[in-house]
Amino acid sequence: MRANLKALTATGIIMLAAAASLGLLSTPSRAQLPKSDPAQAVPAYHAAPSKEPLGTTLDPSQFKDSVVQNSYAMAAKVKNVLYQQPCYCFCDKNNGHQSLFDCFASTHASECNTCMAEGIFAYEQTQKGKSPAKIRAAIIQGDWRKVDLTAYKDPVKLP
């Protein structure tokens, strides 16, 4: 009986080690995903501009945090671009959002660093003359992760 228990324990340990080496024991959190995870589907976005006028993003002055204010102010300037971008906080699944624009048309982005970083990234890239499609490709590659939100703690003057 004791020999069976040892054999069973050894088998269990081997199986756990094999599962761990295959990555079957844990799933990386969204923040830990590599730049491009082929197993992860691209979140919802619109491939073309809206045919109807978009609603407004929320007024930045309703927020107290300066980074949030800056991200909402930038979002207001590029809402048509945001409409064509996915959001990697996966709010399409959790909140029913259809694109990054929805994050800034609600309070969601004010509580989500992913949304704010993507929104600021989209604004910056638009200012550099990038098209929504090129911005989307960069977002999908994870380039938005390079945005340092602390760099936006002071009020930003926008054109």
N, C-alpha and C. Protein backbone atom coordinates (compact mmCIF):
# COMPACT_ATOMS: atom_id res chain seq x y z
N MET A 1 0.82 -1.19 0.00
CA MET A 1 0.00 0.00 0.00
C MET A 1 0.87 1.26 0.00
N ARG A 2 1.89 1.21 0.86
CA ARG A 2 2.78 2.36 0.96
C ARG A 2 3.54 2.56 -0.36
N ALA A 3 3.92 1.48 -1.03
CA ALA A 3 4.62 1.57 -2.31
C ALA A 3 3.70 2.17 -3.37
N ASN A 4 2.41 1.82 -3.32
CA ASN A 4 1.45 2.39 -4.27
C ASN A 4 1.31 3.88 -4.06
N LEU A 5 1.28 4.32 -2.80
CA LEU A 5 1.15 5.75 -2.48
C LEU A 5 2.36 6.52 -2.99
N LYS A 6 3.56 5.94 -2.80
CA LYS A 6 4.78 6.60 -3.30
C LYS A 6 4.76 6.69 -4.82
N ALA A 7 4.35 5.62 -5.47
CA ALA A 7 4.29 5.62 -6.93
C ALA A 7 3.26 6.63 -7.42
N LEU A 8 2.12 6.69 -6.74
CA LEU A 8 1.07 7.64 -7.11
C LEU A 8 1.54 9.07 -6.91
N THR A 9 2.24 9.34 -5.80
CA THR A 9 2.77 10.66 -5.52
C THR A 9 3.81 11.05 -6.57
N ALA A 10 4.69 10.13 -6.90
CA ALA A 10 5.72 10.40 -7.91
C ALA A 10 5.08 10.67 -9.27
N THR A 11 4.07 9.91 -9.60
CA THR A 11 3.36 10.13 -10.88
C THR A 11 2.70 11.50 -10.88
N GLY A 12 2.08 11.86 -9.77
CA GLY A 12 1.43 13.18 -9.67
C GLY A 12 2.42 14.31 -9.83
N ILE A 13 3.58 14.18 -9.22
CA ILE A 13 4.62 15.21 -9.32
C ILE A 13 5.11 15.32 -10.75
N ILE A 14 5.30 14.21 -11.41
CA ILE A 14 5.75 14.21 -12.81
C ILE A 14 4.70 14.87 -13.69
N MET A 15 3.43 14.56 -13.45
CA MET A 15 2.36 15.15 -14.25
C MET A 15 2.28 16.66 -14.03
N LEU A 16 2.43 17.10 -12.77
CA LEU A 16 2.42 18.54 -12.48
C LEU A 16 3.58 19.25 -13.16
N ALA A 17 4.75 18.62 -13.12
CA ALA A 17 5.92 19.23 -13.76
C ALA A 17 5.71 19.33 -15.27
N ALA A 18 5.14 18.28 -15.86
CA ALA A 18 4.88 18.31 -17.30
C ALA A 18 3.86 19.39 -17.64
N ALA A 19 2.81 19.49 -16.85
CA ALA A 19 1.78 20.51 -17.09
C ALA A 19 2.37 21.91 -16.95
N ALA A 20 3.23 22.09 -15.96
CA ALA A 20 3.85 23.40 -15.74
C ALA A 20 4.77 23.75 -16.92
N SER A 21 5.51 22.77 -17.40
CA SER A 21 6.43 23.06 -18.51
C SER A 21 5.67 23.38 -19.80
N LEU A 22 4.46 22.89 -19.91
CA LEU A 22 3.64 23.19 -21.08
C LEU A 22 2.80 24.45 -20.89
N GLY A 23 2.90 25.05 -19.72
CA GLY A 23 2.13 26.27 -19.45
C GLY A 23 0.66 26.02 -19.19
N LEU A 24 0.33 24.82 -18.75
CA LEU A 24 -1.07 24.48 -18.54
C LEU A 24 -1.58 24.81 -17.14
N LEU A 25 -0.70 25.16 -16.24
CA LEU A 25 -1.12 25.41 -14.86
C LEU A 25 -1.61 26.82 -14.61
N SER A 26 -1.12 27.76 -15.36
CA SER A 26 -1.56 29.13 -15.12
C SER A 26 -1.67 29.86 -16.44
N THR A 27 -2.53 30.84 -16.45
CA THR A 27 -2.70 31.69 -17.62
C THR A 27 -2.10 33.04 -17.29
N PRO A 28 -1.28 33.61 -18.16
CA PRO A 28 -0.71 34.93 -17.86
C PRO A 28 -1.81 35.98 -17.79
N SER A 29 -1.66 36.91 -16.87
CA SER A 29 -2.63 38.01 -16.82
C SER A 29 -2.47 38.84 -18.08
N ARG A 30 -3.46 39.64 -18.40
CA ARG A 30 -3.43 40.45 -19.62
C ARG A 30 -2.17 41.32 -19.65
N ALA A 31 -1.78 41.86 -18.49
CA ALA A 31 -0.62 42.75 -18.46
C ALA A 31 0.67 41.99 -18.73
N GLN A 32 0.68 40.66 -18.52
CA GLN A 32 1.89 39.90 -18.70
C GLN A 32 1.99 39.26 -20.09
N LEU A 33 0.99 39.43 -20.92
CA LEU A 33 1.03 38.83 -22.24
C LEU A 33 2.20 39.40 -23.04
N PRO A 34 2.83 38.58 -23.86
CA PRO A 34 3.91 39.10 -24.70
C PRO A 34 3.37 40.11 -25.70
N LYS A 35 4.29 40.80 -26.39
CA LYS A 35 3.88 41.83 -27.35
C LYS A 35 2.81 41.32 -28.29
N SER A 36 2.96 40.14 -28.77
CA SER A 36 1.98 39.58 -29.69
C SER A 36 1.74 38.14 -29.28
N ASP A 37 0.53 37.83 -28.90
CA ASP A 37 0.18 36.49 -28.47
C ASP A 37 -0.76 35.90 -29.52
N PRO A 38 -0.26 35.04 -30.40
CA PRO A 38 -1.10 34.53 -31.48
C PRO A 38 -2.32 33.77 -30.97
N ALA A 39 -2.26 33.24 -29.77
CA ALA A 39 -3.40 32.50 -29.23
C ALA A 39 -4.51 33.45 -28.78
N GLN A 40 -4.16 34.70 -28.59
CA GLN A 40 -5.13 35.69 -28.10
C GLN A 40 -5.76 36.41 -29.28
N ALA A 41 -7.07 36.38 -29.35
CA ALA A 41 -7.78 37.06 -30.43
C ALA A 41 -7.68 38.58 -30.26
N VAL A 42 -7.70 39.28 -31.37
CA VAL A 42 -7.70 40.75 -31.34
C VAL A 42 -9.07 41.20 -30.85
N PRO A 43 -9.12 42.10 -29.88
CA PRO A 43 -10.41 42.59 -29.39
C PRO A 43 -11.19 43.34 -30.48
N ALA A 44 -12.46 43.59 -30.21
CA ALA A 44 -13.35 44.24 -31.17
C ALA A 44 -12.85 45.62 -31.58
N TYR A 45 -13.05 45.95 -32.86
CA TYR A 45 -12.76 47.28 -33.40
C TYR A 45 -13.52 47.42 -34.70
N HIS A 46 -13.59 48.62 -35.21
CA HIS A 46 -14.21 48.89 -36.50
C HIS A 46 -13.09 49.10 -37.52
N ALA A 47 -13.17 48.42 -38.64
CA ALA A 47 -12.11 48.49 -39.65
C ALA A 47 -12.17 49.78 -40.47
N ALA A 48 -13.28 50.49 -40.41
CA ALA A 48 -13.45 51.71 -41.20
C ALA A 48 -14.06 52.79 -40.31
N PRO A 49 -13.95 54.05 -40.74
CA PRO A 49 -14.57 55.13 -39.96
C PRO A 49 -16.08 54.95 -39.87
N SER A 50 -16.66 55.53 -38.85
CA SER A 50 -18.11 55.47 -38.67
C SER A 50 -18.81 56.24 -39.79
N LYS A 51 -19.89 55.68 -40.28
CA LYS A 51 -20.68 56.37 -41.30
C LYS A 51 -21.59 57.42 -40.67
N GLU A 52 -21.82 57.28 -39.39
CA GLU A 52 -22.65 58.23 -38.62
C GLU A 52 -21.73 59.08 -37.74
N PRO A 53 -22.15 60.28 -37.40
CA PRO A 53 -21.34 61.08 -36.46
C PRO A 53 -21.23 60.35 -35.12
N LEU A 54 -20.03 60.36 -34.57
CA LEU A 54 -19.82 59.72 -33.27
C LEU A 54 -20.32 60.62 -32.16
N GLY A 55 -20.68 60.00 -31.06
CA GLY A 55 -21.03 60.76 -29.87
C GLY A 55 -19.78 61.43 -29.31
N THR A 56 -19.91 61.96 -28.14
CA THR A 56 -18.77 62.65 -27.53
C THR A 56 -18.07 61.75 -26.53
N THR A 57 -16.82 62.07 -26.30
CA THR A 57 -16.12 61.46 -25.18
C THR A 57 -16.48 62.28 -23.95
N LEU A 58 -16.23 61.74 -22.78
CA LEU A 58 -16.59 62.47 -21.56
C LEU A 58 -15.69 63.69 -21.38
N ASP A 59 -16.24 64.69 -20.73
CA ASP A 59 -15.52 65.94 -20.46
C ASP A 59 -14.38 65.67 -19.48
N PRO A 60 -13.14 65.98 -19.87
CA PRO A 60 -11.99 65.73 -18.99
C PRO A 60 -12.10 66.42 -17.64
N SER A 61 -12.78 67.56 -17.58
CA SER A 61 -12.84 68.32 -16.32
C SER A 61 -13.66 67.61 -15.25
N GLN A 62 -14.39 66.58 -15.61
CA GLN A 62 -15.17 65.88 -14.59
C GLN A 62 -14.32 64.92 -13.76
N PHE A 63 -13.05 64.76 -14.17
CA PHE A 63 -12.15 63.87 -13.44
C PHE A 63 -11.14 64.69 -12.65
N LYS A 64 -10.71 64.16 -11.51
CA LYS A 64 -9.76 64.86 -10.66
C LYS A 64 -8.31 64.55 -11.02
N ASP A 65 -8.05 63.34 -11.46
CA ASP A 65 -6.69 62.91 -11.77
C ASP A 65 -6.22 63.54 -13.08
N SER A 66 -5.02 64.13 -13.06
CA SER A 66 -4.52 64.84 -14.24
C SER A 66 -4.20 63.91 -15.40
N VAL A 67 -3.73 62.71 -15.13
CA VAL A 67 -3.46 61.76 -16.21
C VAL A 67 -4.78 61.38 -16.90
N VAL A 68 -5.81 61.16 -16.11
CA VAL A 68 -7.12 60.83 -16.67
C VAL A 68 -7.63 62.02 -17.50
N GLN A 69 -7.50 63.22 -16.95
CA GLN A 69 -7.93 64.42 -17.69
C GLN A 69 -7.21 64.52 -19.03
N ASN A 70 -5.90 64.34 -19.01
CA ASN A 70 -5.12 64.43 -20.25
C ASN A 70 -5.53 63.35 -21.25
N SER A 71 -5.74 62.13 -20.77
CA SER A 71 -6.09 61.06 -21.70
C SER A 71 -7.46 61.31 -22.33
N TYR A 72 -8.42 61.83 -21.55
CA TYR A 72 -9.74 62.13 -22.10
C TYR A 72 -9.69 63.33 -23.05
N ALA A 73 -8.83 64.31 -22.76
CA ALA A 73 -8.68 65.45 -23.66
C ALA A 73 -8.08 65.01 -25.00
N MET A 74 -7.10 64.13 -24.95
CA MET A 74 -6.50 63.61 -26.18
C MET A 74 -7.51 62.76 -26.94
N ALA A 75 -8.25 61.95 -26.22
CA ALA A 75 -9.25 61.08 -26.86
C ALA A 75 -10.28 61.91 -27.63
N ALA A 76 -10.68 63.02 -27.05
CA ALA A 76 -11.68 63.88 -27.71
C ALA A 76 -11.17 64.39 -29.06
N LYS A 77 -9.86 64.53 -29.19
CA LYS A 77 -9.27 65.04 -30.44
C LYS A 77 -9.17 63.96 -31.52
N VAL A 78 -9.22 62.69 -31.12
CA VAL A 78 -9.02 61.60 -32.10
C VAL A 78 -10.09 60.52 -31.99
N LYS A 79 -11.31 60.93 -31.66
CA LYS A 79 -12.35 59.92 -31.43
C LYS A 79 -12.62 59.05 -32.66
N ASN A 80 -12.49 59.61 -33.87
CA ASN A 80 -12.66 58.79 -35.08
C ASN A 80 -11.56 57.75 -35.22
N VAL A 81 -10.38 58.07 -34.74
CA VAL A 81 -9.28 57.09 -34.74
C VAL A 81 -9.55 56.02 -33.68
N LEU A 82 -9.98 56.43 -32.49
CA LEU A 82 -10.27 55.47 -31.42
C LEU A 82 -11.35 54.49 -31.83
N TYR A 83 -12.30 54.95 -32.61
CA TYR A 83 -13.39 54.11 -33.10
C TYR A 83 -12.85 52.90 -33.88
N GLN A 84 -11.67 53.07 -34.47
CA GLN A 84 -11.08 52.03 -35.31
C GLN A 84 -9.99 51.21 -34.60
N GLN A 85 -9.95 51.33 -33.27
CA GLN A 85 -8.90 50.64 -32.52
C GLN A 85 -9.47 49.60 -31.55
N PRO A 86 -8.75 48.47 -31.40
CA PRO A 86 -9.13 47.50 -30.38
C PRO A 86 -8.66 47.98 -29.01
N CYS A 87 -9.21 47.42 -27.97
CA CYS A 87 -8.76 47.76 -26.62
C CYS A 87 -8.32 46.48 -25.92
N TYR A 88 -7.06 46.48 -25.51
CA TYR A 88 -6.47 45.28 -24.93
C TYR A 88 -6.72 45.10 -23.44
N CYS A 89 -7.71 45.79 -22.89
CA CYS A 89 -8.19 45.41 -21.56
C CYS A 89 -9.35 44.42 -21.73
N PHE A 90 -9.68 44.17 -23.00
CA PHE A 90 -10.70 43.20 -23.39
C PHE A 90 -12.08 43.57 -22.86
N CYS A 91 -12.36 44.87 -22.87
CA CYS A 91 -13.67 45.36 -22.44
C CYS A 91 -14.75 45.00 -23.45
N ASP A 92 -14.35 44.54 -24.63
CA ASP A 92 -15.35 44.06 -25.58
C ASP A 92 -16.06 42.84 -25.00
N LYS A 93 -15.33 42.02 -24.28
CA LYS A 93 -15.93 40.84 -23.67
C LYS A 93 -16.59 41.15 -22.33
N ASN A 94 -15.95 42.01 -21.55
CA ASN A 94 -16.44 42.29 -20.19
C ASN A 94 -17.50 43.39 -20.13
N ASN A 95 -17.44 44.35 -21.06
CA ASN A 95 -18.34 45.51 -21.00
C ASN A 95 -19.16 45.69 -22.27
N GLY A 96 -18.96 44.85 -23.25
CA GLY A 96 -19.69 44.97 -24.51
C GLY A 96 -19.21 46.10 -25.41
N HIS A 97 -18.01 46.61 -25.17
CA HIS A 97 -17.49 47.70 -25.99
C HIS A 97 -17.18 47.19 -27.40
N GLN A 98 -17.34 48.07 -28.37
CA GLN A 98 -17.08 47.72 -29.76
C GLN A 98 -15.74 48.26 -30.26
N SER A 99 -15.11 49.16 -29.49
CA SER A 99 -13.82 49.72 -29.87
C SER A 99 -13.29 50.55 -28.70
N LEU A 100 -12.09 51.06 -28.86
CA LEU A 100 -11.48 51.91 -27.84
C LEU A 100 -12.29 53.19 -27.60
N PHE A 101 -12.98 53.66 -28.61
CA PHE A 101 -13.82 54.85 -28.44
C PHE A 101 -14.81 54.68 -27.29
N ASP A 102 -15.42 53.51 -27.17
CA ASP A 102 -16.42 53.27 -26.12
C ASP A 102 -15.85 53.47 -24.72
N CYS A 103 -14.56 53.23 -24.56
CA CYS A 103 -13.92 53.40 -23.25
C CYS A 103 -13.94 54.86 -22.81
N PHE A 104 -13.78 55.77 -23.78
CA PHE A 104 -13.72 57.20 -23.49
C PHE A 104 -15.08 57.88 -23.58
N ALA A 105 -16.07 57.16 -24.09
CA ALA A 105 -17.45 57.67 -24.11
C ALA A 105 -18.14 57.30 -22.80
N SER A 106 -17.40 56.65 -21.93
CA SER A 106 -17.89 56.25 -20.60
C SER A 106 -16.77 56.51 -19.60
N THR A 107 -17.00 56.20 -18.36
CA THR A 107 -15.97 56.39 -17.32
C THR A 107 -14.95 55.25 -17.32
N HIS A 108 -15.16 54.25 -18.14
CA HIS A 108 -14.30 53.07 -18.12
C HIS A 108 -12.81 53.42 -18.22
N ALA A 109 -12.44 54.25 -19.18
CA ALA A 109 -11.02 54.57 -19.37
C ALA A 109 -10.42 55.25 -18.14
N SER A 110 -11.24 55.95 -17.38
CA SER A 110 -10.72 56.65 -16.20
C SER A 110 -10.21 55.69 -15.13
N GLU A 111 -10.62 54.45 -15.23
CA GLU A 111 -10.22 53.43 -14.24
C GLU A 111 -9.31 52.37 -14.84
N CYS A 112 -8.85 52.58 -16.07
CA CYS A 112 -8.12 51.53 -16.77
C CYS A 112 -6.85 52.10 -17.43
N ASN A 113 -5.70 51.69 -16.93
CA ASN A 113 -4.44 52.17 -17.48
C ASN A 113 -4.22 51.71 -18.92
N THR A 114 -4.74 50.53 -19.26
CA THR A 114 -4.62 50.05 -20.64
C THR A 114 -5.32 51.00 -21.59
N CYS A 115 -6.56 51.36 -21.26
CA CYS A 115 -7.33 52.27 -22.12
C CYS A 115 -6.63 53.62 -22.24
N MET A 116 -6.18 54.16 -21.11
CA MET A 116 -5.51 55.46 -21.16
C MET A 116 -4.24 55.40 -22.00
N ALA A 117 -3.45 54.35 -21.82
CA ALA A 117 -2.20 54.23 -22.59
C ALA A 117 -2.50 54.09 -24.08
N GLU A 118 -3.49 53.28 -24.43
CA GLU A 118 -3.84 53.13 -25.84
C GLU A 118 -4.39 54.43 -26.42
N GLY A 119 -5.20 55.14 -25.65
CA GLY A 119 -5.76 56.41 -26.12
C GLY A 119 -4.67 57.45 -26.37
N ILE A 120 -3.74 57.55 -25.43
CA ILE A 120 -2.63 58.49 -25.59
C ILE A 120 -1.76 58.06 -26.78
N PHE A 121 -1.50 56.78 -26.89
CA PHE A 121 -0.71 56.27 -28.02
C PHE A 121 -1.38 56.63 -29.35
N ALA A 122 -2.69 56.41 -29.43
CA ALA A 122 -3.43 56.73 -30.67
C ALA A 122 -3.34 58.22 -30.98
N TYR A 123 -3.45 59.07 -29.95
CA TYR A 123 -3.33 60.51 -30.16
C TYR A 123 -1.94 60.87 -30.68
N GLU A 124 -0.90 60.36 -29.99
CA GLU A 124 0.47 60.67 -30.38
C GLU A 124 0.76 60.23 -31.81
N GLN A 125 0.31 59.04 -32.17
CA GLN A 125 0.57 58.52 -33.51
C GLN A 125 -0.20 59.32 -34.57
N THR A 126 -1.40 59.75 -34.23
CA THR A 126 -2.17 60.59 -35.14
C THR A 126 -1.43 61.90 -35.38
N GLN A 127 -0.86 62.48 -34.33
CA GLN A 127 -0.11 63.71 -34.47
C GLN A 127 1.13 63.52 -35.34
N LYS A 128 1.64 62.30 -35.41
CA LYS A 128 2.79 62.00 -36.26
C LYS A 128 2.37 61.66 -37.69
N GLY A 129 1.06 61.73 -37.96
CA GLY A 129 0.57 61.49 -39.31
C GLY A 129 0.25 60.04 -39.65
N LYS A 130 0.23 59.17 -38.65
CA LYS A 130 -0.08 57.76 -38.90
C LYS A 130 -1.58 57.58 -39.15
N SER A 131 -1.90 56.65 -40.02
CA SER A 131 -3.30 56.34 -40.33
C SER A 131 -3.90 55.46 -39.23
N PRO A 132 -5.22 55.45 -39.11
CA PRO A 132 -5.85 54.55 -38.13
C PRO A 132 -5.43 53.09 -38.32
N ALA A 133 -5.27 52.64 -39.55
CA ALA A 133 -4.86 51.25 -39.81
C ALA A 133 -3.45 50.99 -39.29
N LYS A 134 -2.54 51.95 -39.50
CA LYS A 134 -1.16 51.78 -39.01
C LYS A 134 -1.13 51.85 -37.48
N ILE A 135 -1.94 52.70 -36.90
CA ILE A 135 -2.02 52.79 -35.45
C ILE A 135 -2.57 51.47 -34.89
N ARG A 136 -3.58 50.94 -35.54
CA ARG A 136 -4.16 49.66 -35.11
C ARG A 136 -3.12 48.55 -35.15
N ALA A 137 -2.35 48.48 -36.23
CA ALA A 137 -1.31 47.46 -36.34
C ALA A 137 -0.30 47.59 -35.20
N ALA A 138 0.06 48.83 -34.86
CA ALA A 138 1.01 49.06 -33.77
C ALA A 138 0.40 48.68 -32.42
N ILE A 139 -0.88 48.99 -32.24
CA ILE A 139 -1.56 48.61 -30.99
C ILE A 139 -1.60 47.09 -30.87
N ILE A 140 -1.93 46.42 -31.94
CA ILE A 140 -1.98 44.95 -31.91
C ILE A 140 -0.61 44.38 -31.58
N GLN A 141 0.45 45.03 -32.05
CA GLN A 141 1.81 44.58 -31.73
C GLN A 141 2.23 44.92 -30.30
N GLY A 142 1.43 45.73 -29.61
CA GLY A 142 1.73 46.05 -28.21
C GLY A 142 2.52 47.31 -28.01
N ASP A 143 2.67 48.13 -29.06
CA ASP A 143 3.47 49.36 -28.93
C ASP A 143 2.90 50.34 -27.91
N TRP A 144 1.61 50.27 -27.64
CA TRP A 144 0.98 51.15 -26.65
C TRP A 144 1.56 50.93 -25.26
N ARG A 145 2.18 49.79 -25.03
CA ARG A 145 2.76 49.50 -23.70
C ARG A 145 3.97 50.37 -23.40
N LYS A 146 4.49 51.04 -24.42
CA LYS A 146 5.65 51.92 -24.23
C LYS A 146 5.25 53.28 -23.68
N VAL A 147 3.95 53.57 -23.63
CA VAL A 147 3.48 54.86 -23.13
C VAL A 147 3.68 54.90 -21.62
N ASP A 148 4.37 55.94 -21.15
CA ASP A 148 4.59 56.15 -19.73
C ASP A 148 3.53 57.14 -19.23
N LEU A 149 2.52 56.62 -18.57
CA LEU A 149 1.42 57.48 -18.12
C LEU A 149 1.89 58.57 -17.15
N THR A 150 2.97 58.33 -16.40
CA THR A 150 3.44 59.35 -15.47
C THR A 150 3.94 60.60 -16.20
N ALA A 151 4.27 60.46 -17.47
CA ALA A 151 4.71 61.62 -18.27
C ALA A 151 3.55 62.58 -18.55
N TYR A 152 2.34 62.17 -18.22
CA TYR A 152 1.15 62.98 -18.49
C TYR A 152 0.48 63.44 -17.20
N LYS A 153 1.25 63.53 -16.11
CA LYS A 153 0.66 63.97 -14.85
C LYS A 153 0.47 65.48 -14.79
N ASP A 154 1.21 66.21 -15.63
CA ASP A 154 1.03 67.65 -15.71
C ASP A 154 0.08 67.98 -16.86
N PRO A 155 -0.69 69.06 -16.73
CA PRO A 155 -1.61 69.40 -17.83
C PRO A 155 -0.89 69.52 -19.17
N VAL A 156 -1.51 68.97 -20.20
CA VAL A 156 -0.94 68.98 -21.54
C VAL A 156 -1.73 69.96 -22.39
N LYS A 157 -1.02 70.82 -23.11
CA LYS A 157 -1.68 71.74 -24.04
C LYS A 157 -1.81 71.04 -25.39
N LEU A 158 -3.02 70.95 -25.87
CA LEU A 158 -3.28 70.27 -27.14
C LEU A 158 -3.60 71.27 -28.22
N PRO A 159 -3.19 70.96 -29.46
CA PRO A 159 -3.50 71.87 -30.57
C PRO A 159 -5.00 71.90 -30.85
